[in-house]
PDB file of N, CA and C in Angstrom:
ATOM      1  N   MET A   1     -14.973  -0.671  -3.121  1.00  0.00           N
ATOM      2  CA  MET A   1     -15.852  -1.480  -2.323  1.00  0.00           C
ATOM      3  C   MET A   1     -15.688  -2.939  -2.755  1.00  0.00           C
ATOM      4  N   VAL A   2     -15.699  -3.815  -1.776  1.00  0.00           N
ATOM      5  CA  VAL A   2     -15.611  -5.250  -2.035  1.00  0.00           C
ATOM      6  C   VAL A   2     -16.944  -5.873  -1.652  1.00  0.00           C
ATOM      7  N   ARG A   3     -17.480  -6.689  -2.553  1.00  0.00           N
ATOM      8  CA  ARG A   3     -18.738  -7.385  -2.280  1.00  0.00           C
ATOM      9  C   ARG A   3     -18.558  -8.844  -2.681  1.00  0.00           C
ATOM     10  N   ASP A   4     -18.891  -9.734  -1.768  1.00  0.00           N
ATOM     11  CA  ASP A   4     -18.754 -11.180  -2.006  1.00  0.00           C
ATOM     12  C   ASP A   4     -17.345 -11.544  -2.465  1.00  0.00           C
ATOM     13  N   GLY A   5     -16.332 -10.862  -1.887  1.00  0.00           N
ATOM     14  CA  GLY A   5     -14.945 -11.179  -2.177  1.00  0.00           C
ATOM     15  C   GLY A   5     -14.402 -10.610  -3.467  1.00  0.00           C
ATOM     16  N   LEU A   6     -15.184  -9.773  -4.164  1.00  0.00           N
ATOM     17  CA  LEU A   6     -14.746  -9.167  -5.423  1.00  0.00           C
ATOM     18  C   LEU A   6     -14.782  -7.654  -5.324  1.00  0.00           C
ATOM     19  N   VAL A   7     -13.792  -6.990  -5.930  1.00  0.00           N
ATOM     20  CA  VAL A   7     -13.779  -5.530  -5.978  1.00  0.00           C
ATOM     21  C   VAL A   7     -14.853  -5.093  -6.967  1.00  0.00           C
ATOM     22  N   VAL A   8     -15.792  -4.254  -6.507  1.00  0.00           N
ATOM     23  CA  VAL A   8     -16.872  -3.797  -7.380  1.00  0.00           C
ATOM     24  C   VAL A   8     -16.774  -2.312  -7.696  1.00  0.00           C
ATOM     25  N   SER A   9     -16.103  -1.537  -6.815  1.00  0.00           N
ATOM     26  CA  SER A   9     -15.923  -0.119  -7.109  1.00  0.00           C
ATOM     27  C   SER A   9     -14.683   0.398  -6.387  1.00  0.00           C
ATOM     28  N   VAL A  10     -14.109   1.438  -6.975  1.00  0.00           N
ATOM     29  CA  VAL A  10     -12.926   2.089  -6.411  1.00  0.00           C
ATOM     30  C   VAL A  10     -13.191   3.580  -6.417  1.00  0.00           C
ATOM     31  N   ALA A  11     -13.129   4.205  -5.244  1.00  0.00           N
ATOM     32  CA  ALA A  11     -13.381   5.641  -5.090  1.00  0.00           C
ATOM     33  C   ALA A  11     -14.707   6.033  -5.741  1.00  0.00           C
ATOM     34  N   GLY A  12     -15.716   5.161  -5.603  1.00  0.00           N
ATOM     35  CA  GLY A  12     -17.049   5.458  -6.113  1.00  0.00           C
ATOM     36  C   GLY A  12     -17.275   5.094  -7.571  1.00  0.00           C
ATOM     37  N   ALA A  13     -16.223   4.763  -8.301  1.00  0.00           N
ATOM     38  CA  ALA A  13     -16.353   4.402  -9.718  1.00  0.00           C
ATOM     39  C   ALA A  13     -16.423   2.887  -9.864  1.00  0.00           C
ATOM     40  N   THR A  14     -17.270   2.415 -10.769  1.00  0.00           N
ATOM     41  CA  THR A  14     -17.384   0.984 -11.027  1.00  0.00           C
ATOM     42  C   THR A  14     -16.042   0.431 -11.461  1.00  0.00           C
ATOM     43  N   TYR A  15     -15.691  -0.728 -10.930  1.00  0.00           N
ATOM     44  CA  TYR A  15     -14.402  -1.353 -11.222  1.00  0.00           C
ATOM     45  C   TYR A  15     -14.626  -2.583 -12.084  1.00  0.00           C
ATOM     46  N   ASP A  16     -13.882  -2.697 -13.175  1.00  0.00           N
ATOM     47  CA  ASP A  16     -13.971  -3.832 -14.080  1.00  0.00           C
ATOM     48  C   ASP A  16     -12.640  -4.579 -14.053  1.00  0.00           C
ATOM     49  N   ALA A  17     -12.613  -5.714 -13.365  1.00  0.00           N
ATOM     50  CA  ALA A  17     -11.374  -6.491 -13.227  1.00  0.00           C
ATOM     51  C   ALA A  17     -10.895  -7.041 -14.563  1.00  0.00           C
ATOM     52  N   ASP A  18     -11.773  -7.140 -15.563  1.00  0.00           N
ATOM     53  CA  ASP A  18     -11.341  -7.608 -16.885  1.00  0.00           C
ATOM     54  C   ASP A  18     -10.449  -6.573 -17.568  1.00  0.00           C
ATOM     55  N   LEU A  19     -10.621  -5.303 -17.216  1.00  0.00           N
ATOM     56  CA  LEU A  19      -9.830  -4.229 -17.821  1.00  0.00           C
ATOM     57  C   LEU A  19      -8.610  -3.861 -16.998  1.00  0.00           C
ATOM     58  N   ASP A  20      -8.695  -4.033 -15.674  1.00  0.00           N
ATOM     59  CA  ASP A  20      -7.614  -3.628 -14.768  1.00  0.00           C
ATOM     60  C   ASP A  20      -7.572  -4.585 -13.596  1.00  0.00           C
ATOM     61  N   GLN A  21      -6.469  -5.288 -13.425  1.00  0.00           N
ATOM     62  CA  GLN A  21      -6.358  -6.241 -12.334  1.00  0.00           C
ATOM     63  C   GLN A  21      -5.403  -5.755 -11.244  1.00  0.00           C
ATOM     64  N   SER A  22      -5.161  -4.446 -11.194  1.00  0.00           N
ATOM     65  CA  SER A  22      -4.207  -3.907 -10.228  1.00  0.00           C
ATOM     66  C   SER A  22      -4.802  -3.704  -8.836  1.00  0.00           C
ATOM     67  N   ILE A  23      -6.123  -3.670  -8.717  1.00  0.00           N
ATOM     68  CA  ILE A  23      -6.772  -3.484  -7.427  1.00  0.00           C
ATOM     69  C   ILE A  23      -7.161  -4.864  -6.903  1.00  0.00           C
ATOM     70  N   LEU A  24      -6.649  -5.200  -5.724  1.00  0.00           N
ATOM     71  CA  LEU A  24      -6.930  -6.503  -5.146  1.00  0.00           C
ATOM     72  C   LEU A  24      -7.599  -6.359  -3.788  1.00  0.00           C
ATOM     73  N   THR A  25      -8.317  -7.378  -3.402  1.00  0.00           N
ATOM     74  CA  THR A  25      -8.949  -7.394  -2.085  1.00  0.00           C
ATOM     75  C   THR A  25      -7.881  -7.568  -1.008  1.00  0.00           C
ATOM     76  N   VAL A  26      -8.270  -7.371   0.236  1.00  0.00           N
ATOM     77  CA  VAL A  26      -7.353  -7.588   1.353  1.00  0.00           C
ATOM     78  C   VAL A  26      -6.860  -9.036   1.325  1.00  0.00           C
ATOM     79  N   ASP A  27      -7.760  -9.987   1.104  1.00  0.00           N
ATOM     80  CA  ASP A  27      -7.360 -11.396   1.055  1.00  0.00           C
ATOM     81  C   ASP A  27      -6.346 -11.660  -0.057  1.00  0.00           C
ATOM     82  N   ALA A  28      -6.543 -11.035  -1.216  1.00  0.00           N
ATOM     83  CA  ALA A  28      -5.602 -11.216  -2.324  1.00  0.00           C
ATOM     84  C   ALA A  28      -4.246 -10.599  -1.994  1.00  0.00           C
ATOM     85  N   ARG A  29      -4.233  -9.471  -1.298  1.00  0.00           N
ATOM     86  CA  ARG A  29      -2.961  -8.846  -0.894  1.00  0.00           C
ATOM     87  C   ARG A  29      -2.237  -9.715   0.133  1.00  0.00           C
ATOM     88  N   ILE A  30      -2.975 -10.291   1.051  1.00  0.00           N
ATOM     89  CA  ILE A  30      -2.357 -11.189   2.030  1.00  0.00           C
ATOM     90  C   ILE A  30      -1.732 -12.379   1.319  1.00  0.00           C
ATOM     91  N   ASP A  31      -2.423 -12.918   0.325  1.00  0.00           N
ATOM     92  CA  ASP A  31      -1.878 -14.028  -0.458  1.00  0.00           C
ATOM     93  C   ASP A  31      -0.621 -13.591  -1.208  1.00  0.00           C
ATOM     94  N   TYR A  32      -0.635 -12.379  -1.773  1.00  0.00           N
ATOM     95  CA  TYR A  32       0.541 -11.855  -2.475  1.00  0.00           C
ATOM     96  C   TYR A  32       1.729 -11.728  -1.514  1.00  0.00           C
ATOM     97  N   ILE A  33       1.485 -11.237  -0.320  1.00  0.00           N
ATOM     98  CA  ILE A  33       2.548 -11.099   0.684  1.00  0.00           C
ATOM     99  C   ILE A  33       3.118 -12.462   1.039  1.00  0.00           C
ATOM    100  N   ARG A  34       2.246 -13.441   1.265  1.00  0.00           N
ATOM    101  CA  ARG A  34       2.696 -14.791   1.605  1.00  0.00           C
ATOM    102  C   ARG A  34       3.583 -15.362   0.504  1.00  0.00           C
ATOM    103  N   LYS A  35       3.140 -15.246  -0.744  1.00  0.00           N
ATOM    104  CA  LYS A  35       3.908 -15.764  -1.875  1.00  0.00           C
ATOM    105  C   LYS A  35       5.234 -15.017  -2.032  1.00  0.00           C
ATOM    106  N   SER A  36       5.227 -13.728  -1.785  1.00  0.00           N
ATOM    107  CA  SER A  36       6.459 -12.937  -1.896  1.00  0.00           C
ATOM    108  C   SER A  36       7.467 -13.343  -0.828  1.00  0.00           C
ATOM    109  N   LEU A  37       6.993 -13.582   0.381  1.00  0.00           N
ATOM    110  CA  LEU A  37       7.891 -14.014   1.454  1.00  0.00           C
ATOM    111  C   LEU A  37       8.479 -15.394   1.166  1.00  0.00           C
ATOM    112  N   GLU A  38       7.696 -16.260   0.505  1.00  0.00           N
ATOM    113  CA  GLU A  38       8.195 -17.583   0.116  1.00  0.00           C
ATOM    114  C   GLU A  38       9.339 -17.495  -0.897  1.00  0.00           C
ATOM    115  N   ARG A  39       9.422 -16.382  -1.611  1.00  0.00           N
ATOM    116  CA  ARG A  39      10.497 -16.178  -2.595  1.00  0.00           C
ATOM    117  C   ARG A  39      11.805 -15.737  -1.933  1.00  0.00           C
ATOM    118  N   ASN A  40      11.793 -15.588  -0.613  1.00  0.00           N
ATOM    119  CA  ASN A  40      12.978 -15.178   0.156  1.00  0.00           C
ATOM    120  C   ASN A  40      13.594 -13.879  -0.372  1.00  0.00           C
ATOM    121  N   PRO A  41      12.860 -12.785  -0.312  1.00  0.00           N
ATOM    122  CA  PRO A  41      13.405 -11.510  -0.786  1.00  0.00           C
ATOM    123  C   PRO A  41      14.632 -11.094   0.024  1.00  0.00           C
ATOM    124  N   GLU A  42      15.499 -10.327  -0.599  1.00  0.00           N
ATOM    125  CA  GLU A  42      16.691  -9.846   0.101  1.00  0.00           C
ATOM    126  C   GLU A  42      16.336  -8.781   1.138  1.00  0.00           C
ATOM    127  N   ALA A  43      15.236  -8.082   0.919  1.00  0.00           N
ATOM    128  CA  ALA A  43      14.736  -7.118   1.902  1.00  0.00           C
ATOM    129  C   ALA A  43      13.208  -7.171   1.879  1.00  0.00           C
ATOM    130  N   SER A  44      12.612  -7.068   3.049  1.00  0.00           N
ATOM    131  CA  SER A  44      11.152  -7.055   3.111  1.00  0.00           C
ATOM    132  C   SER A  44      10.699  -6.316   4.361  1.00  0.00           C
ATOM    133  N   ARG A  45       9.492  -5.765   4.256  1.00  0.00           N
ATOM    134  CA  ARG A  45       8.873  -5.085   5.398  1.00  0.00           C
ATOM    135  C   ARG A  45       7.360  -5.223   5.235  1.00  0.00           C
ATOM    136  N   VAL A  46       6.703  -5.678   6.259  1.00  0.00           N
ATOM    137  CA  VAL A  46       5.249  -5.797   6.240  1.00  0.00           C
ATOM    138  C   VAL A  46       4.743  -5.270   7.575  1.00  0.00           C
ATOM    139  N   THR A  47       3.783  -4.354   7.526  1.00  0.00           N
ATOM    140  CA  THR A  47       3.153  -3.866   8.746  1.00  0.00           C
ATOM    141  C   THR A  47       1.649  -4.112   8.643  1.00  0.00           C
ATOM    142  N   TYR A  48       1.034  -4.319   9.795  1.00  0.00           N
ATOM    143  CA  TYR A  48      -0.383  -4.663   9.840  1.00  0.00           C
ATOM    144  C   TYR A  48      -1.146  -3.678  10.719  1.00  0.00           C
ATOM    145  N   ASP A  49      -2.420  -3.499  10.407  1.00  0.00           N
ATOM    146  CA  ASP A  49      -3.301  -2.677  11.224  1.00  0.00           C
ATOM    147  C   ASP A  49      -3.472  -3.363  12.582  1.00  0.00           C
ATOM    148  N   PRO A  50      -3.196  -2.652  13.685  1.00  0.00           N
ATOM    149  CA  PRO A  50      -3.254  -3.298  14.994  1.00  0.00           C
ATOM    150  C   PRO A  50      -4.662  -3.690  15.432  1.00  0.00           C
ATOM    151  N   ILE A  51      -5.680  -3.103  14.845  1.00  0.00           N
ATOM    152  CA  ILE A  51      -7.057  -3.409  15.239  1.00  0.00           C
ATOM    153  C   ILE A  51      -7.666  -4.496  14.357  1.00  0.00           C
ATOM    154  N   HIS A  52      -7.550  -4.323  13.023  1.00  0.00           N
ATOM    155  CA  HIS A  52      -8.223  -5.229  12.085  1.00  0.00           C
ATOM    156  C   HIS A  52      -7.318  -6.337  11.553  1.00  0.00           C
ATOM    157  N   GLY A  53      -6.002  -6.159  11.620  1.00  0.00           N
ATOM    158  CA  GLY A  53      -5.074  -7.201  11.214  1.00  0.00           C
ATOM    159  C   GLY A  53      -4.728  -7.267   9.741  1.00  0.00           C
ATOM    160  N   PHE A  54      -5.267  -6.387   8.926  1.00  0.00           N
ATOM    161  CA  PHE A  54      -4.933  -6.416   7.499  1.00  0.00           C
ATOM    162  C   PHE A  54      -3.616  -5.677   7.264  1.00  0.00           C
ATOM    163  N   PRO A  55      -2.928  -5.971   6.156  1.00  0.00           N
ATOM    164  CA  PRO A  55      -1.657  -5.288   5.884  1.00  0.00           C
ATOM    165  C   PRO A  55      -1.892  -3.816   5.540  1.00  0.00           C
ATOM    166  N   THR A  56      -1.125  -2.926   6.181  1.00  0.00           N
ATOM    167  CA  THR A  56      -1.235  -1.498   5.880  1.00  0.00           C
ATOM    168  C   THR A  56      -0.080  -1.031   4.995  1.00  0.00           C
ATOM    169  N   ASN A  57       1.000  -1.805   4.986  1.00  0.00           N
ATOM    170  CA  ASN A  57       2.172  -1.408   4.211  1.00  0.00           C
ATOM    171  C   ASN A  57       3.024  -2.642   3.968  1.00  0.00           C
ATOM    172  N   PHE A  58       3.537  -2.778   2.733  1.00  0.00           N
ATOM    173  CA  PHE A  58       4.537  -3.818   2.516  1.00  0.00           C
ATOM    174  C   PHE A  58       5.513  -3.374   1.441  1.00  0.00           C
ATOM    175  N   TYR A  59       6.704  -3.931   1.531  1.00  0.00           N
ATOM    176  CA  TYR A  59       7.791  -3.621   0.600  1.00  0.00           C
ATOM    177  C   TYR A  59       8.641  -4.870   0.427  1.00  0.00           C
ATOM    178  N   PHE A  60       8.990  -5.178  -0.815  1.00  0.00           N
ATOM    179  CA  PHE A  60       9.872  -6.296  -1.112  1.00  0.00           C
ATOM    180  C   PHE A  60      10.924  -5.873  -2.114  1.00  0.00           C
ATOM    181  N   ASP A  61      12.161  -6.259  -1.849  1.00  0.00           N
ATOM    182  CA  ASP A  61      13.255  -6.128  -2.812  1.00  0.00           C
ATOM    183  C   ASP A  61      13.791  -7.540  -2.982  1.00  0.00           C
ATOM    184  N   PHE A  62      13.492  -8.130  -4.116  1.00  0.00           N
ATOM    185  CA  PHE A  62      13.815  -9.531  -4.328  1.00  0.00           C
ATOM    186  C   PHE A  62      15.287  -9.754  -4.648  1.00  0.00           C
ATOM    187  N   SER A  63      15.937  -8.738  -5.214  1.00  0.00           N
ATOM    188  CA  SER A  63      17.366  -8.865  -5.520  1.00  0.00           C
ATOM    189  C   SER A  63      18.003  -7.487  -5.507  1.00  0.00           C
ATOM    190  N   PHE A  64      19.023  -7.323  -4.680  1.00  0.00           N
ATOM    191  CA  PHE A  64      19.740  -6.051  -4.635  1.00  0.00           C
ATOM    192  C   PHE A  64      20.478  -5.775  -5.952  1.00  0.00           C
ATOM    193  N   MET A  65      20.722  -6.813  -6.734  1.00  0.00           N
ATOM    194  CA  MET A  65      21.495  -6.677  -7.971  1.00  0.00           C
ATOM    195  C   MET A  65      20.639  -6.292  -9.180  1.00  0.00           C
ATOM    196  N   ILE A  66      19.321  -6.285  -9.019  1.00  0.00           N
ATOM    197  CA  ILE A  66      18.427  -5.952 -10.127  1.00  0.00           C
ATOM    198  C   ILE A  66      17.751  -4.620  -9.818  1.00  0.00           C
ATOM    199  N   ALA A  67      17.824  -3.698 -10.765  1.00  0.00           N
ATOM    200  CA  ALA A  67      17.200  -2.383 -10.581  1.00  0.00           C
ATOM    201  C   ALA A  67      15.709  -2.448 -10.918  1.00  0.00           C
ATOM    202  N   ASP A  68      14.922  -1.723 -10.163  1.00  0.00           N
ATOM    203  CA  ASP A  68      13.504  -1.493 -10.435  1.00  0.00           C
ATOM    204  C   ASP A  68      12.606  -2.722 -10.358  1.00  0.00           C
ATOM    205  N   GLU A  69      13.001  -3.753  -9.610  1.00  0.00           N
ATOM    206  CA  GLU A  69      12.088  -4.880  -9.412  1.00  0.00           C
ATOM    207  C   GLU A  69      11.471  -4.833  -8.019  1.00  0.00           C
ATOM    208  N   GLU A  70      11.813  -3.800  -7.256  1.00  0.00           N
ATOM    209  CA  GLU A  70      11.234  -3.648  -5.927  1.00  0.00           C
ATOM    210  C   GLU A  70       9.747  -3.334  -6.055  1.00  0.00           C
ATOM    211  N   ILE A  71       9.002  -3.691  -5.029  1.00  0.00           N
ATOM    212  CA  ILE A  71       7.572  -3.373  -5.038  1.00  0.00           C
ATOM    213  C   ILE A  71       7.143  -3.024  -3.626  1.00  0.00           C
ATOM    214  N   GLY A  72       6.308  -2.020  -3.514  1.00  0.00           N
ATOM    215  CA  GLY A  72       5.805  -1.620  -2.208  1.00  0.00           C
ATOM    216  C   GLY A  72       4.439  -0.973  -2.340  1.00  0.00           C
ATOM    217  N   TYR A  73       3.618  -1.167  -1.339  1.00  0.00           N
ATOM    218  CA  TYR A  73       2.284  -0.583  -1.303  1.00  0.00           C
ATOM    219  C   TYR A  73       2.008  -0.060   0.086  1.00  0.00           C
ATOM    220  N   THR A  74       1.239   1.008   0.158  1.00  0.00           N
ATOM    221  CA  THR A  74       0.705   1.510   1.414  1.00  0.00           C
ATOM    222  C   THR A  74      -0.805   1.629   1.244  1.00  0.00           C
ATOM    223  N   PHE A  75      -1.555   1.130   2.202  1.00  0.00           N
ATOM    224  CA  PHE A  75      -3.007   1.160   2.145  1.00  0.00           C
ATOM    225  C   PHE A  75      -3.518   2.180   3.150  1.00  0.00           C
ATOM    226  N   THR A  76      -4.405   3.040   2.705  1.00  0.00           N
ATOM    227  CA  THR A  76      -4.952   4.081   3.565  1.00  0.00           C
ATOM    228  C   THR A  76      -6.464   4.139   3.428  1.00  0.00           C
ATOM    229  N   ASP A  77      -7.087   4.868   4.291  1.00  0.00           N
ATOM    230  CA  ASP A  77      -8.524   5.156   4.239  1.00  0.00           C
ATOM    231  C   ASP A  77      -9.398   3.902   4.294  1.00  0.00           C
ATOM    232  N   PHE A  78      -8.973   2.901   5.059  1.00  0.00           N
ATOM    233  CA  PHE A  78      -9.779   1.691   5.216  1.00  0.00           C
ATOM    234  C   PHE A  78     -11.063   2.023   5.959  1.00  0.00           C
ATOM    235  N   ARG A  79     -12.166   1.524   5.428  1.00  0.00           N
ATOM    236  CA  ARG A  79     -13.459   1.694   6.107  1.00  0.00           C
ATOM    237  C   ARG A  79     -14.209   0.367   6.029  1.00  0.00           C
ATOM    238  N   SER A  80     -14.701  -0.070   7.155  1.00  0.00           N
ATOM    239  CA  SER A  80     -15.544  -1.249   7.193  1.00  0.00           C
ATOM    240  C   SER A  80     -16.950  -0.811   6.844  1.00  0.00           C
ATOM    241  N   GLN A  81     -17.588  -1.532   5.952  1.00  0.00           N
ATOM    242  CA  GLN A  81     -18.923  -1.124   5.526  1.00  0.00           C
ATOM    243  C   GLN A  81     -19.848  -2.328   5.569  1.00  0.00           C
ATOM    244  N   GLU A  82     -20.946  -2.160   6.251  1.00  0.00           N
ATOM    245  CA  GLU A  82     -21.941  -3.219   6.308  1.00  0.00           C
ATOM    246  C   GLU A  82     -22.858  -3.108   5.112  1.00  0.00           C
ATOM    247  N   ILE A  83     -23.141  -4.251   4.509  1.00  0.00           N
ATOM    248  CA  ILE A  83     -24.018  -4.285   3.337  1.00  0.00           C
ATOM    249  C   ILE A  83     -25.354  -4.863   3.773  1.00  0.00           C
ATOM    250  N   GLU A  84     -26.410  -4.180   3.388  1.00  0.00           N
ATOM    251  CA  GLU A  84     -27.751  -4.611   3.784  1.00  0.00           C
ATOM    252  C   GLU A  84     -28.224  -5.748   2.931  1.00  0.00           C
TER     253      GLU A  84
END
Protein backbone atom coordinates (compact mmCIF):
# COMPACT_ATOMS: atom_id res chain seq x y z
CA MET A 1 0.00 0.00 0.00
CA VAL A 2 1.20 3.50 -0.82
CA ARG A 3 0.16 6.43 1.36
CA ASP A 4 1.22 10.03 0.73
CA GLY A 5 3.68 8.81 -1.91
CA LEU A 6 5.46 6.32 0.38
CA VAL A 7 5.24 2.53 0.49
CA VAL A 8 3.77 1.63 3.89
CA SER A 9 2.93 -2.06 3.46
CA VAL A 10 3.53 -4.94 1.07
CA ALA A 11 1.13 -7.90 0.93
CA GLY A 12 -0.33 -6.76 4.26
CA ALA A 13 3.03 -6.59 6.08
CA THR A 14 4.47 -3.29 7.30
CA TYR A 15 7.22 -2.07 4.99
CA ASP A 16 10.35 -0.36 6.32
CA ALA A 17 12.22 1.46 3.54
CA ASP A 18 15.23 1.88 5.87
CA LEU A 19 15.70 -1.91 5.81
CA ASP A 20 14.68 -2.65 2.20
CA GLN A 21 14.58 -0.19 -0.67
CA SER A 22 13.62 -2.68 -3.38
CA ILE A 23 9.90 -1.81 -3.37
CA LEU A 24 9.17 1.45 -5.16
CA THR A 25 6.04 3.43 -5.88
CA VAL A 26 4.62 3.69 -9.39
CA ASP A 27 6.10 7.20 -9.63
CA ALA A 28 9.53 5.92 -8.60
CA ARG A 29 9.34 3.12 -11.20
CA ILE A 30 8.40 5.62 -13.90
CA ASP A 31 11.42 7.70 -12.90
CA TYR A 32 13.63 4.58 -13.03
CA ILE A 33 12.35 3.78 -16.54
CA ARG A 34 13.01 7.34 -17.71
CA LYS A 35 16.57 7.29 -16.34
CA SER A 36 17.20 3.85 -17.84
CA LEU A 37 16.04 4.98 -21.28
CA GLU A 38 18.38 8.00 -21.02
CA ARG A 39 21.26 5.51 -20.69
CA ASN A 40 20.48 4.27 -24.23
CA PRO A 41 20.20 0.54 -23.47
CA GLU A 42 21.03 -1.89 -26.25
CA ALA A 43 17.63 -3.53 -25.73
CA SER A 44 14.54 -2.27 -23.94
CA ARG A 45 10.85 -3.02 -23.60
CA VAL A 46 8.26 -1.08 -21.63
CA THR A 47 4.54 -1.81 -21.58
CA TYR A 48 1.85 0.21 -19.85
CA ASP A 49 -1.59 -0.50 -18.43
CA PRO A 50 -4.06 0.70 -21.09
CA ILE A 51 -6.53 2.03 -18.51
CA HIS A 52 -4.38 3.56 -15.75
CA GLY A 53 -1.17 4.28 -17.68
CA PHE A 54 1.32 2.87 -15.17
CA PRO A 55 4.11 0.53 -16.32
CA THR A 56 3.11 -3.15 -16.17
CA ASN A 57 6.36 -4.57 -17.50
CA PHE A 58 9.83 -3.34 -18.35
CA TYR A 59 13.13 -4.86 -19.39
CA PHE A 60 16.53 -3.29 -20.06
CA ASP A 61 19.77 -4.79 -21.34
CA PHE A 62 22.33 -2.03 -21.13
CA SER A 63 25.14 -3.96 -22.82
CA PHE A 64 25.03 -7.18 -24.80
CA MET A 65 28.70 -7.70 -23.89
CA ILE A 66 28.12 -7.79 -20.12
CA ALA A 67 26.50 -10.82 -18.49
CA ASP A 68 23.83 -10.48 -15.80
CA GLU A 69 23.36 -6.70 -15.87
CA GLU A 70 19.93 -7.00 -17.47
CA ILE A 71 16.95 -5.97 -15.38
CA GLY A 72 13.26 -6.58 -15.81
CA TYR A 73 10.11 -6.31 -13.74
CA THR A 74 6.49 -7.32 -14.19
CA PHE A 75 3.81 -5.71 -12.03
CA THR A 76 0.63 -7.60 -11.24
CA ASP A 77 -2.41 -7.38 -8.97
CA PHE A 78 -2.72 -3.59 -9.14
CA ARG A 79 -5.62 -2.29 -7.07
CA SER A 80 -6.70 1.29 -6.65
CA GLN A 81 -7.62 1.94 -3.05
CA GLU A 82 -9.34 4.97 -1.64
CA ILE A 83 -8.13 6.12 1.75
CA GLU A 84 -10.63 7.66 4.12
